[in-house]
Amino acid sequence: MRPPSVTAFVIASALSACSSTSHGGKTPIPANPNEVVIYDYKFVPKTLTVAVGTTVRWLNRDIAPHTATHRSFDVEPFDTGTLGHLAVFSHTFKTAGSYDYLCVLHQGMTGTVVVQ
């Protein structure tokens, strides 16, 4: 039986690197209390509570593109548009309320900003 080739080893290593995270499997922690990190197809934290007038920042740490979209006909709609890897979007909340948002690209990715 022939030993595995170097090429097979390199391919296997590259494929395993694609599936691993750059954070050693740990979810990144937001850099500040008004930040939401998008990682592993989740918004972290899932619920963020802030004061009126606070600017919230979304940072995509996933390789996949995502959005954070709150569609509303009355109070403060926002939409990040498609955020690529390491892209950032900020929104200043001027009105108290609960703002549920989602990623329009990935069903099931949801979050909430509670403004008091």
PDB file of N, CA and C in Angstrom:
ATOM      1  N   MET A   1       0.839  -1.186   0.000  1.00  0.00           N
ATOM      2  CA  MET A   1       0.000   0.000   0.000  1.00  0.00           C
ATOM      3  C   MET A   1       0.884   1.249   0.000  1.00  0.00           C
ATOM      4  N   ARG A   2       0.495   2.205  -0.803  1.00  0.00           N
ATOM      5  CA  ARG A   2       1.260   3.433  -0.966  1.00  0.00           C
ATOM      6  C   ARG A   2       0.890   4.450   0.116  1.00  0.00           C
ATOM      7  N   PRO A   3       1.848   5.172   0.703  1.00  0.00           N
ATOM      8  CA  PRO A   3       1.510   6.205   1.690  1.00  0.00           C
ATOM      9  C   PRO A   3       0.777   7.371   1.022  1.00  0.00           C
ATOM     10  N   PRO A   4      -0.037   8.098   1.802  1.00  0.00           N
ATOM     11  CA  PRO A   4      -0.762   9.241   1.225  1.00  0.00           C
ATOM     12  C   PRO A   4       0.211  10.249   0.630  1.00  0.00           C
ATOM     13  N   SER A   5      -0.202  10.851  -0.430  1.00  0.00           N
ATOM     14  CA  SER A   5       0.664  11.832  -1.090  1.00  0.00           C
ATOM     15  C   SER A   5       0.636  13.160  -0.354  1.00  0.00           C
ATOM     16  N   VAL A   6       1.647  13.935  -0.607  1.00  0.00           N
ATOM     17  CA  VAL A   6       1.724  15.284  -0.026  1.00  0.00           C
ATOM     18  C   VAL A   6       0.550  16.124  -0.512  1.00  0.00           C
ATOM     19  N   THR A   7       0.156  15.963  -1.771  1.00  0.00           N
ATOM     20  CA  THR A   7      -0.964  16.716  -2.331  1.00  0.00           C
ATOM     21  C   THR A   7      -2.251  16.418  -1.568  1.00  0.00           C
ATOM     22  N   ALA A   8      -2.495  15.149  -1.286  1.00  0.00           N
ATOM     23  CA  ALA A   8      -3.704  14.786  -0.533  1.00  0.00           C
ATOM     24  C   ALA A   8      -3.681  15.412   0.845  1.00  0.00           C
ATOM     25  N   PHE A   9      -2.511  15.434   1.487  1.00  0.00           N
ATOM     26  CA  PHE A   9      -2.390  16.037   2.807  1.00  0.00           C
ATOM     27  C   PHE A   9      -2.679  17.539   2.746  1.00  0.00           C
ATOM     28  N   VAL A  10      -2.126  18.217   1.759  1.00  0.00           N
ATOM     29  CA  VAL A  10      -2.340  19.664   1.615  1.00  0.00           C
ATOM     30  C   VAL A  10      -3.817  19.965   1.368  1.00  0.00           C
ATOM     31  N   ILE A  11      -4.464  19.192   0.524  1.00  0.00           N
ATOM     32  CA  ILE A  11      -5.883  19.404   0.247  1.00  0.00           C
ATOM     33  C   ILE A  11      -6.715  19.181   1.510  1.00  0.00           C
ATOM     34  N   ALA A  12      -6.439  18.120   2.231  1.00  0.00           N
ATOM     35  CA  ALA A  12      -7.179  17.843   3.467  1.00  0.00           C
ATOM     36  C   ALA A  12      -6.973  18.950   4.487  1.00  0.00           C
ATOM     37  N   SER A  13      -5.761  19.458   4.606  1.00  0.00           N
ATOM     38  CA  SER A  13      -5.480  20.547   5.539  1.00  0.00           C
ATOM     39  C   SER A  13      -6.227  21.821   5.152  1.00  0.00           C
ATOM     40  N   ALA A  14      -6.235  22.118   3.871  1.00  0.00           N
ATOM     41  CA  ALA A  14      -6.925  23.322   3.394  1.00  0.00           C
ATOM     42  C   ALA A  14      -8.418  23.224   3.646  1.00  0.00           C
ATOM     43  N   LEU A  15      -9.003  22.062   3.391  1.00  0.00           N
ATOM     44  CA  LEU A  15     -10.441  21.893   3.627  1.00  0.00           C
ATOM     45  C   LEU A  15     -10.790  22.007   5.097  1.00  0.00           C
ATOM     46  N   SER A  16      -9.965  21.469   5.972  1.00  0.00           N
ATOM     47  CA  SER A  16     -10.268  21.572   7.402  1.00  0.00           C
ATOM     48  C   SER A  16     -10.111  23.009   7.875  1.00  0.00           C
ATOM     49  N   ALA A  17      -9.198  23.767   7.289  1.00  0.00           N
ATOM     50  CA  ALA A  17      -9.036  25.169   7.665  1.00  0.00           C
ATOM     51  C   ALA A  17     -10.244  25.984   7.259  1.00  0.00           C
ATOM     52  N   CYS A  18     -10.874  25.635   6.135  1.00  0.00           N
ATOM     53  CA  CYS A  18     -12.058  26.365   5.681  1.00  0.00           C
ATOM     54  C   CYS A  18     -13.227  26.186   6.643  1.00  0.00           C
ATOM     55  N   SER A  19     -13.293  25.054   7.304  1.00  0.00           N
ATOM     56  CA  SER A  19     -14.417  24.813   8.188  1.00  0.00           C
ATOM     57  C   SER A  19     -14.160  25.279   9.603  1.00  0.00           C
ATOM     58  N   SER A  20     -12.935  25.633   9.931  1.00  0.00           N
ATOM     59  CA  SER A  20     -12.654  26.091  11.283  1.00  0.00           C
ATOM     60  C   SER A  20     -12.861  27.592  11.377  1.00  0.00           C
ATOM     61  N   THR A  21     -12.903  28.097  12.590  1.00  0.00           N
ATOM     62  CA  THR A  21     -13.092  29.520  12.794  1.00  0.00           C
ATOM     63  C   THR A  21     -11.764  30.178  13.099  1.00  0.00           C
ATOM     64  N   SER A  22     -11.680  31.449  12.855  1.00  0.00           N
ATOM     65  CA  SER A  22     -10.460  32.184  13.151  1.00  0.00           C
ATOM     66  C   SER A  22     -10.381  32.565  14.618  1.00  0.00           C
ATOM     67  N   HIS A  23     -11.350  32.154  15.418  1.00  0.00           N
ATOM     68  CA  HIS A  23     -11.388  32.503  16.836  1.00  0.00           C
ATOM     69  C   HIS A  23     -11.245  31.280  17.712  1.00  0.00           C
ATOM     70  N   GLY A  24     -10.687  30.194  17.159  1.00  0.00           N
ATOM     71  CA  GLY A  24     -10.490  28.991  17.932  1.00  0.00           C
ATOM     72  C   GLY A  24     -11.792  28.376  18.403  1.00  0.00           C
ATOM     73  N   GLY A  25     -12.884  28.596  17.666  1.00  0.00           N
ATOM     74  CA  GLY A  25     -14.167  28.029  18.042  1.00  0.00           C
ATOM     75  C   GLY A  25     -14.930  28.860  19.054  1.00  0.00           C
ATOM     76  N   LYS A  26     -14.364  29.960  19.495  1.00  0.00           N
ATOM     77  CA  LYS A  26     -15.023  30.810  20.490  1.00  0.00           C
ATOM     78  C   LYS A  26     -15.764  31.945  19.790  1.00  0.00           C
ATOM     79  N   THR A  27     -16.954  32.243  20.290  1.00  0.00           N
ATOM     80  CA  THR A  27     -17.732  33.346  19.736  1.00  0.00           C
ATOM     81  C   THR A  27     -17.052  34.668  20.104  1.00  0.00           C
ATOM     82  N   PRO A  28     -16.821  35.531  19.124  1.00  0.00           N
ATOM     83  CA  PRO A  28     -16.216  36.831  19.433  1.00  0.00           C
ATOM     84  C   PRO A  28     -17.107  37.646  20.373  1.00  0.00           C
ATOM     85  N   ILE A  29     -16.483  38.377  21.245  1.00  0.00           N
ATOM     86  CA  ILE A  29     -17.202  39.245  22.184  1.00  0.00           C
ATOM     87  C   ILE A  29     -17.234  40.647  21.584  1.00  0.00           C
ATOM     88  N   PRO A  30     -18.408  41.314  21.624  1.00  0.00           N
ATOM     89  CA  PRO A  30     -18.465  42.687  21.108  1.00  0.00           C
ATOM     90  C   PRO A  30     -17.405  43.576  21.762  1.00  0.00           C
ATOM     91  N   ALA A  31     -16.812  44.459  20.984  1.00  0.00           N
ATOM     92  CA  ALA A  31     -15.751  45.342  21.466  1.00  0.00           C
ATOM     93  C   ALA A  31     -16.266  46.408  22.421  1.00  0.00           C
ATOM     94  N   ASN A  32     -17.548  46.757  22.307  1.00  0.00           N
ATOM     95  CA  ASN A  32     -18.137  47.749  23.210  1.00  0.00           C
ATOM     96  C   ASN A  32     -19.576  47.348  23.504  1.00  0.00           C
ATOM     97  N   PRO A  33     -20.183  47.938  24.528  1.00  0.00           N
ATOM     98  CA  PRO A  33     -21.533  47.523  24.923  1.00  0.00           C
ATOM     99  C   PRO A  33     -22.627  47.866  23.916  1.00  0.00           C
ATOM    100  N   ASN A  34     -22.311  48.644  22.898  1.00  0.00           N
ATOM    101  CA  ASN A  34     -23.302  49.031  21.892  1.00  0.00           C
ATOM    102  C   ASN A  34     -23.008  48.383  20.546  1.00  0.00           C
ATOM    103  N   GLU A  35     -22.352  47.228  20.577  1.00  0.00           N
ATOM    104  CA  GLU A  35     -21.980  46.537  19.344  1.00  0.00           C
ATOM    105  C   GLU A  35     -22.650  45.173  19.283  1.00  0.00           C
ATOM    106  N   VAL A  36     -23.046  44.797  18.071  1.00  0.00           N
ATOM    107  CA  VAL A  36     -23.566  43.460  17.789  1.00  0.00           C
ATOM    108  C   VAL A  36     -22.588  42.822  16.806  1.00  0.00           C
ATOM    109  N   VAL A  37     -22.068  41.662  17.187  1.00  0.00           N
ATOM    110  CA  VAL A  37     -21.169  40.919  16.314  1.00  0.00           C
ATOM    111  C   VAL A  37     -21.989  39.869  15.576  1.00  0.00           C
ATOM    112  N   ILE A  38     -21.797  39.793  14.278  1.00  0.00           N
ATOM    113  CA  ILE A  38     -22.446  38.758  13.472  1.00  0.00           C
ATOM    114  C   ILE A  38     -21.410  37.661  13.292  1.00  0.00           C
ATOM    115  N   TYR A  39     -21.730  36.475  13.827  1.00  0.00           N
ATOM    116  CA  TYR A  39     -20.759  35.393  13.820  1.00  0.00           C
ATOM    117  C   TYR A  39     -21.471  34.052  13.903  1.00  0.00           C
ATOM    118  N   ASP A  40     -21.022  33.092  13.111  1.00  0.00           N
ATOM    119  CA  ASP A  40     -21.578  31.739  13.134  1.00  0.00           C
ATOM    120  C   ASP A  40     -23.089  31.766  12.888  1.00  0.00           C
ATOM    121  N   TYR A  41     -23.503  32.640  11.965  1.00  0.00           N
ATOM    122  CA  TYR A  41     -24.915  32.782  11.585  1.00  0.00           C
ATOM    123  C   TYR A  41     -25.791  33.156  12.776  1.00  0.00           C
ATOM    124  N   LYS A  42     -25.260  34.027  13.660  1.00  0.00           N
ATOM    125  CA  LYS A  42     -26.001  34.527  14.822  1.00  0.00           C
ATOM    126  C   LYS A  42     -25.646  35.991  15.039  1.00  0.00           C
ATOM    127  N   PHE A  43     -26.552  36.708  15.708  1.00  0.00           N
ATOM    128  CA  PHE A  43     -26.276  38.051  16.183  1.00  0.00           C
ATOM    129  C   PHE A  43     -25.899  37.929  17.660  1.00  0.00           C
ATOM    130  N   VAL A  44     -24.738  38.481  18.043  1.00  0.00           N
ATOM    131  CA  VAL A  44     -24.249  38.387  19.416  1.00  0.00           C
ATOM    132  C   VAL A  44     -24.029  39.791  19.947  1.00  0.00           C
ATOM    133  N   PRO A  45     -24.802  40.238  20.967  1.00  0.00           N
ATOM    134  CA  PRO A  45     -25.849  39.491  21.648  1.00  0.00           C
ATOM    135  C   PRO A  45     -27.131  39.457  20.811  1.00  0.00           C
ATOM    136  N   LYS A  46     -27.981  38.491  21.124  1.00  0.00           N
ATOM    137  CA  LYS A  46     -29.254  38.364  20.402  1.00  0.00           C
ATOM    138  C   LYS A  46     -30.179  39.530  20.740  1.00  0.00           C
ATOM    139  N   THR A  47     -30.146  39.971  21.998  1.00  0.00           N
ATOM    140  CA  THR A  47     -30.922  41.143  22.434  1.00  0.00           C
ATOM    141  C   THR A  47     -29.963  42.144  23.052  1.00  0.00           C
ATOM    142  N   LEU A  48     -30.039  43.383  22.587  1.00  0.00           N
ATOM    143  CA  LEU A  48     -29.203  44.465  23.091  1.00  0.00           C
ATOM    144  C   LEU A  48     -30.114  45.567  23.598  1.00  0.00           C
ATOM    145  N   THR A  49     -29.890  46.032  24.824  1.00  0.00           N
ATOM    146  CA  THR A  49     -30.688  47.116  25.400  1.00  0.00           C
ATOM    147  C   THR A  49     -29.823  48.361  25.498  1.00  0.00           C
ATOM    148  N   VAL A  50     -30.342  49.477  24.936  1.00  0.00           N
ATOM    149  CA  VAL A  50     -29.593  50.734  24.908  1.00  0.00           C
ATOM    150  C   VAL A  50     -30.525  51.892  25.256  1.00  0.00           C
ATOM    151  N   ALA A  51     -29.938  53.040  25.532  1.00  0.00           N
ATOM    152  CA  ALA A  51     -30.699  54.265  25.800  1.00  0.00           C
ATOM    153  C   ALA A  51     -31.033  54.969  24.484  1.00  0.00           C
ATOM    154  N   VAL A  52     -32.090  55.776  24.511  1.00  0.00           N
ATOM    155  CA  VAL A  52     -32.440  56.614  23.355  1.00  0.00           C
ATOM    156  C   VAL A  52     -31.218  57.462  23.012  1.00  0.00           C
ATOM    157  N   GLY A  53     -30.929  57.588  21.734  1.00  0.00           N
ATOM    158  CA  GLY A  53     -29.791  58.386  21.280  1.00  0.00           C
ATOM    159  C   GLY A  53     -28.511  57.588  21.102  1.00  0.00           C
ATOM    160  N   THR A  54     -28.545  56.307  21.422  1.00  0.00           N
ATOM    161  CA  THR A  54     -27.361  55.455  21.302  1.00  0.00           C
ATOM    162  C   THR A  54     -27.150  55.010  19.854  1.00  0.00           C
ATOM    163  N   THR A  55     -25.905  54.997  19.439  1.00  0.00           N
ATOM    164  CA  THR A  55     -25.552  54.456  18.137  1.00  0.00           C
ATOM    165  C   THR A  55     -25.116  53.010  18.327  1.00  0.00           C
ATOM    166  N   VAL A  56     -25.793  52.111  17.632  1.00  0.00           N
ATOM    167  CA  VAL A  56     -25.463  50.685  17.675  1.00  0.00           C
ATOM    168  C   VAL A  56     -24.696  50.350  16.410  1.00  0.00           C
ATOM    169  N   ARG A  57     -23.685  49.529  16.572  1.00  0.00           N
ATOM    170  CA  ARG A  57     -22.812  49.133  15.465  1.00  0.00           C
ATOM    171  C   ARG A  57     -22.909  47.621  15.266  1.00  0.00           C
ATOM    172  N   TRP A  58     -23.106  47.196  14.020  1.00  0.00           N
ATOM    173  CA  TRP A  58     -23.088  45.781  13.655  1.00  0.00           C
ATOM    174  C   TRP A  58     -21.774  45.510  12.923  1.00  0.00           C
ATOM    175  N   LEU A  59     -21.090  44.437  13.300  1.00  0.00           N
ATOM    176  CA  LEU A  59     -19.825  44.038  12.680  1.00  0.00           C
ATOM    177  C   LEU A  59     -19.941  42.588  12.229  1.00  0.00           C
ATOM    178  N   ASN A  60     -19.736  42.339  10.941  1.00  0.00           N
ATOM    179  CA  ASN A  60     -19.817  40.982  10.416  1.00  0.00           C
ATOM    180  C   ASN A  60     -18.468  40.288  10.540  1.00  0.00           C
ATOM    181  N   ARG A  61     -18.375  39.325  11.460  1.00  0.00           N
ATOM    182  CA  ARG A  61     -17.154  38.526  11.636  1.00  0.00           C
ATOM    183  C   ARG A  61     -17.260  37.175  10.931  1.00  0.00           C
ATOM    184  N   ASP A  62     -18.385  36.933  10.240  1.00  0.00           N
ATOM    185  CA  ASP A  62     -18.550  35.711   9.454  1.00  0.00           C
ATOM    186  C   ASP A  62     -17.914  35.903   8.082  1.00  0.00           C
ATOM    187  N   ILE A  63     -17.554  34.807   7.463  1.00  0.00           N
ATOM    188  CA  ILE A  63     -17.087  34.859   6.073  1.00  0.00           C
ATOM    189  C   ILE A  63     -18.280  35.117   5.152  1.00  0.00           C
ATOM    190  N   ALA A  64     -19.446  34.558   5.511  1.00  0.00           N
ATOM    191  CA  ALA A  64     -20.664  34.731   4.708  1.00  0.00           C
ATOM    192  C   ALA A  64     -21.195  36.154   4.833  1.00  0.00           C
ATOM    193  N   PRO A  65     -21.827  36.682   3.781  1.00  0.00           N
ATOM    194  CA  PRO A  65     -22.473  37.994   3.875  1.00  0.00           C
ATOM    195  C   PRO A  65     -23.754  37.889   4.693  1.00  0.00           C
ATOM    196  N   HIS A  66     -24.127  38.992   5.356  1.00  0.00           N
ATOM    197  CA  HIS A  66     -25.339  39.049   6.164  1.00  0.00           C
ATOM    198  C   HIS A  66     -25.952  40.436   6.072  1.00  0.00           C
ATOM    199  N   THR A  67     -27.196  40.549   6.547  1.00  0.00           N
ATOM    200  CA  THR A  67     -27.847  41.846   6.734  1.00  0.00           C
ATOM    201  C   THR A  67     -28.396  41.910   8.149  1.00  0.00           C
ATOM    202  N   ALA A  68     -28.652  43.105   8.619  1.00  0.00           N
ATOM    203  CA  ALA A  68     -29.442  43.337   9.825  1.00  0.00           C
ATOM    204  C   ALA A  68     -30.524  44.309   9.360  1.00  0.00           C
ATOM    205  N   THR A  69     -31.735  43.810   9.240  1.00  0.00           N
ATOM    206  CA  THR A  69     -32.806  44.563   8.592  1.00  0.00           C
ATOM    207  C   THR A  69     -34.028  44.658   9.497  1.00  0.00           C
ATOM    208  N   HIS A  70     -34.441  45.891   9.777  1.00  0.00           N
ATOM    209  CA  HIS A  70     -35.690  46.151  10.516  1.00  0.00           C
ATOM    210  C   HIS A  70     -36.586  46.937   9.563  1.00  0.00           C
ATOM    211  N   ARG A  71     -37.638  46.279   9.110  1.00  0.00           N
ATOM    212  CA  ARG A  71     -38.556  46.937   8.177  1.00  0.00           C
ATOM    213  C   ARG A  71     -39.752  47.435   8.950  1.00  0.00           C
ATOM    214  N   SER A  72     -40.037  48.712   8.804  1.00  0.00           N
ATOM    215  CA  SER A  72     -41.135  49.330   9.526  1.00  0.00           C
ATOM    216  C   SER A  72     -41.687  50.472   8.692  1.00  0.00           C
ATOM    217  N   PHE A  73     -42.988  50.617   8.731  1.00  0.00           N
ATOM    218  CA  PHE A  73     -43.607  51.733   8.016  1.00  0.00           C
ATOM    219  C   PHE A  73     -43.784  52.945   8.916  1.00  0.00           C
ATOM    220  N   ASP A  74     -43.478  52.776  10.213  1.00  0.00           N
ATOM    221  CA  ASP A  74     -43.702  53.901  11.107  1.00  0.00           C
ATOM    222  C   ASP A  74     -42.456  54.344  11.864  1.00  0.00           C
ATOM    223  N   VAL A  75     -41.775  53.442  12.565  1.00  0.00           N
ATOM    224  CA  VAL A  75     -40.698  53.862  13.448  1.00  0.00           C
ATOM    225  C   VAL A  75     -39.351  53.316  13.004  1.00  0.00           C
ATOM    226  N   GLU A  76     -38.441  54.203  12.678  1.00  0.00           N
ATOM    227  CA  GLU A  76     -37.030  53.929  12.454  1.00  0.00           C
ATOM    228  C   GLU A  76     -36.670  52.638  11.719  1.00  0.00           C
ATOM    229  N   PRO A  77     -37.039  52.502  10.475  1.00  0.00           N
ATOM    230  CA  PRO A  77     -36.544  51.338   9.734  1.00  0.00           C
ATOM    231  C   PRO A  77     -35.026  51.461   9.554  1.00  0.00           C
ATOM    232  N   PHE A  78     -34.363  50.346   9.509  1.00  0.00           N
ATOM    233  CA  PHE A  78     -32.938  50.351   9.169  1.00  0.00           C
ATOM    234  C   PHE A  78     -32.607  49.077   8.407  1.00  0.00           C
ATOM    235  N   ASP A  79     -31.593  49.178   7.568  1.00  0.00           N
ATOM    236  CA  ASP A  79     -31.150  48.035   6.783  1.00  0.00           C
ATOM    237  C   ASP A  79     -29.671  48.225   6.488  1.00  0.00           C
ATOM    238  N   THR A  80     -28.875  47.279   6.926  1.00  0.00           N
ATOM    239  CA  THR A  80     -27.433  47.377   6.720  1.00  0.00           C
ATOM    240  C   THR A  80     -27.043  47.196   5.260  1.00  0.00           C
ATOM    241  N   GLY A  81     -27.971  46.648   4.458  1.00  0.00           N
ATOM    242  CA  GLY A  81     -27.556  46.185   3.144  1.00  0.00           C
ATOM    243  C   GLY A  81     -26.698  44.951   3.365  1.00  0.00           C
ATOM    244  N   THR A  82     -26.135  44.420   2.323  1.00  0.00           N
ATOM    245  CA  THR A  82     -25.323  43.216   2.452  1.00  0.00           C
ATOM    246  C   THR A  82     -23.955  43.575   3.020  1.00  0.00           C
ATOM    247  N   LEU A  83     -23.676  43.016   4.194  1.00  0.00           N
ATOM    248  CA  LEU A  83     -22.394  43.250   4.854  1.00  0.00           C
ATOM    249  C   LEU A  83     -21.464  42.081   4.567  1.00  0.00           C
ATOM    250  N   GLY A  84     -20.349  42.359   3.941  1.00  0.00           N
ATOM    251  CA  GLY A  84     -19.335  41.340   3.726  1.00  0.00           C
ATOM    252  C   GLY A  84     -18.509  41.134   4.984  1.00  0.00           C
ATOM    253  N   HIS A  85     -17.545  40.247   4.908  1.00  0.00           N
ATOM    254  CA  HIS A  85     -16.659  39.944   6.025  1.00  0.00           C
ATOM    255  C   HIS A  85     -15.975  41.218   6.537  1.00  0.00           C
ATOM    256  N   LEU A  86     -16.091  41.462   7.834  1.00  0.00           N
ATOM    257  CA  LEU A  86     -15.525  42.603   8.563  1.00  0.00           C
ATOM    258  C   LEU A  86     -16.174  43.950   8.219  1.00  0.00           C
ATOM    259  N   ALA A  87     -17.264  43.947   7.482  1.00  0.00           N
ATOM    260  CA  ALA A  87     -17.977  45.199   7.194  1.00  0.00           C
ATOM    261  C   ALA A  87     -18.741  45.651   8.433  1.00  0.00           C
ATOM    262  N   VAL A  88     -18.970  46.955   8.524  1.00  0.00           N
ATOM    263  CA  VAL A  88     -19.604  47.570   9.688  1.00  0.00           C
ATOM    264  C   VAL A  88     -20.761  48.452   9.233  1.00  0.00           C
ATOM    265  N   PHE A  89     -21.810  48.493  10.056  1.00  0.00           N
ATOM    266  CA  PHE A  89     -22.949  49.381   9.840  1.00  0.00           C
ATOM    267  C   PHE A  89     -23.333  49.957  11.193  1.00  0.00           C
ATOM    268  N   SER A  90     -23.701  51.231  11.228  1.00  0.00           N
ATOM    269  CA  SER A  90     -24.142  51.874  12.465  1.00  0.00           C
ATOM    270  C   SER A  90     -25.489  52.534  12.269  1.00  0.00           C
ATOM    271  N   HIS A  91     -26.299  52.528  13.336  1.00  0.00           N
ATOM    272  CA  HIS A  91     -27.601  53.198  13.327  1.00  0.00           C
ATOM    273  C   HIS A  91     -27.814  53.837  14.689  1.00  0.00           C
ATOM    274  N   THR A  92     -28.240  55.102  14.699  1.00  0.00           N
ATOM    275  CA  THR A  92     -28.541  55.812  15.945  1.00  0.00           C
ATOM    276  C   THR A  92     -30.038  55.731  16.193  1.00  0.00           C
ATOM    277  N   PHE A  93     -30.409  55.202  17.362  1.00  0.00           N
ATOM    278  CA  PHE A  93     -31.819  55.017  17.721  1.00  0.00           C
ATOM    279  C   PHE A  93     -32.338  56.262  18.429  1.00  0.00           C
ATOM    280  N   LYS A  94     -33.361  56.884  17.828  1.00  0.00           N
ATOM    281  CA  LYS A  94     -33.902  58.149  18.336  1.00  0.00           C
ATOM    282  C   LYS A  94     -35.220  57.984  19.073  1.00  0.00           C
ATOM    283  N   THR A  95     -35.837  56.801  18.962  1.00  0.00           N
ATOM    284  CA  THR A  95     -37.163  56.585  19.534  1.00  0.00           C
ATOM    285  C   THR A  95     -37.157  55.310  20.379  1.00  0.00           C
ATOM    286  N   ALA A  96     -37.730  55.401  21.591  1.00  0.00           N
ATOM    287  CA  ALA A  96     -37.828  54.225  22.457  1.00  0.00           C
ATOM    288  C   ALA A  96     -38.716  53.171  21.799  1.00  0.00           C
ATOM    289  N   GLY A  97     -38.387  51.914  22.045  1.00  0.00           N
ATOM    290  CA  GLY A  97     -39.182  50.817  21.510  1.00  0.00           C
ATOM    291  C   GLY A  97     -38.347  49.559  21.367  1.00  0.00           C
ATOM    292  N   SER A  98     -38.975  48.544  20.839  1.00  0.00           N
ATOM    293  CA  SER A  98     -38.310  47.268  20.603  1.00  0.00           C
ATOM    294  C   SER A  98     -38.192  47.070  19.092  1.00  0.00           C
ATOM    295  N   TYR A  99     -36.985  46.882  18.628  1.00  0.00           N
ATOM    296  CA  TYR A  99     -36.697  46.780  17.203  1.00  0.00           C
ATOM    297  C   TYR A  99     -36.210  45.370  16.870  1.00  0.00           C
ATOM    298  N   ASP A 100     -37.115  44.547  16.375  1.00  0.00           N
ATOM    299  CA  ASP A 100     -36.741  43.210  15.926  1.00  0.00           C
ATOM    300  C   ASP A 100     -36.144  43.327  14.536  1.00  0.00           C
ATOM    301  N   TYR A 101     -35.065  42.609  14.301  1.00  0.00           N
ATOM    302  CA  TYR A 101     -34.439  42.634  12.982  1.00  0.00           C
ATOM    303  C   TYR A 101     -34.037  41.221  12.588  1.00  0.00           C
ATOM    304  N   LEU A 102     -33.678  41.063  11.315  1.00  0.00           N
ATOM    305  CA  LEU A 102     -33.312  39.748  10.794  1.00  0.00           C
ATOM    306  C   LEU A 102     -32.283  39.892   9.700  1.00  0.00           C
ATOM    307  N   CYS A 103     -31.701  38.757   9.350  1.00  0.00           N
ATOM    308  CA  CYS A 103     -30.843  38.688   8.167  1.00  0.00           C
ATOM    309  C   CYS A 103     -31.724  38.197   7.034  1.00  0.00           C
ATOM    310  N   VAL A 104     -31.905  39.014   6.014  1.00  0.00           N
ATOM    311  CA  VAL A 104     -32.768  38.616   4.904  1.00  0.00           C
ATOM    312  C   VAL A 104     -32.141  37.507   4.059  1.00  0.00           C
ATOM    313  N   LEU A 105     -30.859  37.276   4.220  1.00  0.00           N
ATOM    314  CA  LEU A 105     -30.175  36.236   3.456  1.00  0.00           C
ATOM    315  C   LEU A 105     -30.226  34.871   4.125  1.00  0.00           C
ATOM    316  N   HIS A 106     -30.468  34.847   5.439  1.00  0.00           N
ATOM    317  CA  HIS A 106     -30.409  33.593   6.188  1.00  0.00           C
ATOM    318  C   HIS A 106     -31.588  33.496   7.154  1.00  0.00           C
ATOM    319  N   GLN A 107     -32.569  32.733   6.737  1.00  0.00           N
ATOM    320  CA  GLN A 107     -33.776  32.547   7.534  1.00  0.00           C
ATOM    321  C   GLN A 107     -33.408  32.015   8.921  1.00  0.00           C
ATOM    322  N   GLY A 108     -34.004  32.599   9.930  1.00  0.00           N
ATOM    323  CA  GLY A 108     -33.753  32.169  11.296  1.00  0.00           C
ATOM    324  C   GLY A 108     -32.766  33.029  12.043  1.00  0.00           C
ATOM    325  N   MET A 109     -32.003  33.865  11.347  1.00  0.00           N
ATOM    326  CA  MET A 109     -31.086  34.785  12.030  1.00  0.00           C
ATOM    327  C   MET A 109     -31.876  36.021  12.450  1.00  0.00           C
ATOM    328  N   THR A 110     -32.105  36.161  13.750  1.00  0.00           N
ATOM    329  CA  THR A 110     -32.878  37.287  14.251  1.00  0.00           C
ATOM    330  C   THR A 110     -32.196  37.898  15.464  1.00  0.00           C
ATOM    331  N   GLY A 111     -32.534  39.141  15.721  1.00  0.00           N
ATOM    332  CA  GLY A 111     -32.039  39.849  16.894  1.00  0.00           C
ATOM    333  C   GLY A 111     -33.025  40.947  17.262  1.00  0.00           C
ATOM    334  N   THR A 112     -32.767  41.575  18.398  1.00  0.00           N
ATOM    335  CA  THR A 112     -33.626  42.657  18.886  1.00  0.00           C
ATOM    336  C   THR A 112     -32.771  43.734  19.546  1.00  0.00           C
ATOM    337  N   VAL A 113     -33.100  44.985  19.240  1.00  0.00           N
ATOM    338  CA  VAL A 113     -32.542  46.111  19.981  1.00  0.00           C
ATOM    339  C   VAL A 113     -33.701  46.727  20.753  1.00  0.00           C
ATOM    340  N   VAL A 114     -33.551  46.796  22.077  1.00  0.00           N
ATOM    341  CA  VAL A 114     -34.531  47.428  22.943  1.00  0.00           C
ATOM    342  C   VAL A 114     -33.999  48.800  23.300  1.00  0.00           C
ATOM    343  N   VAL A 115     -34.766  49.844  22.974  1.00  0.00           N
ATOM    344  CA  VAL A 115     -34.355  51.222  23.217  1.00  0.00           C
ATOM    345  C   VAL A 115     -35.234  51.785  24.320  1.00  0.00           C
ATOM    346  N   GLN A 116     -34.597  52.249  25.406  1.00  0.00           N
ATOM    347  CA  GLN A 116     -35.348  52.776  26.570  1.00  0.00           C
ATOM    348  C   GLN A 116     -35.107  54.250  26.759  1.00  0.00           C
TER     349      GLN A 116
END
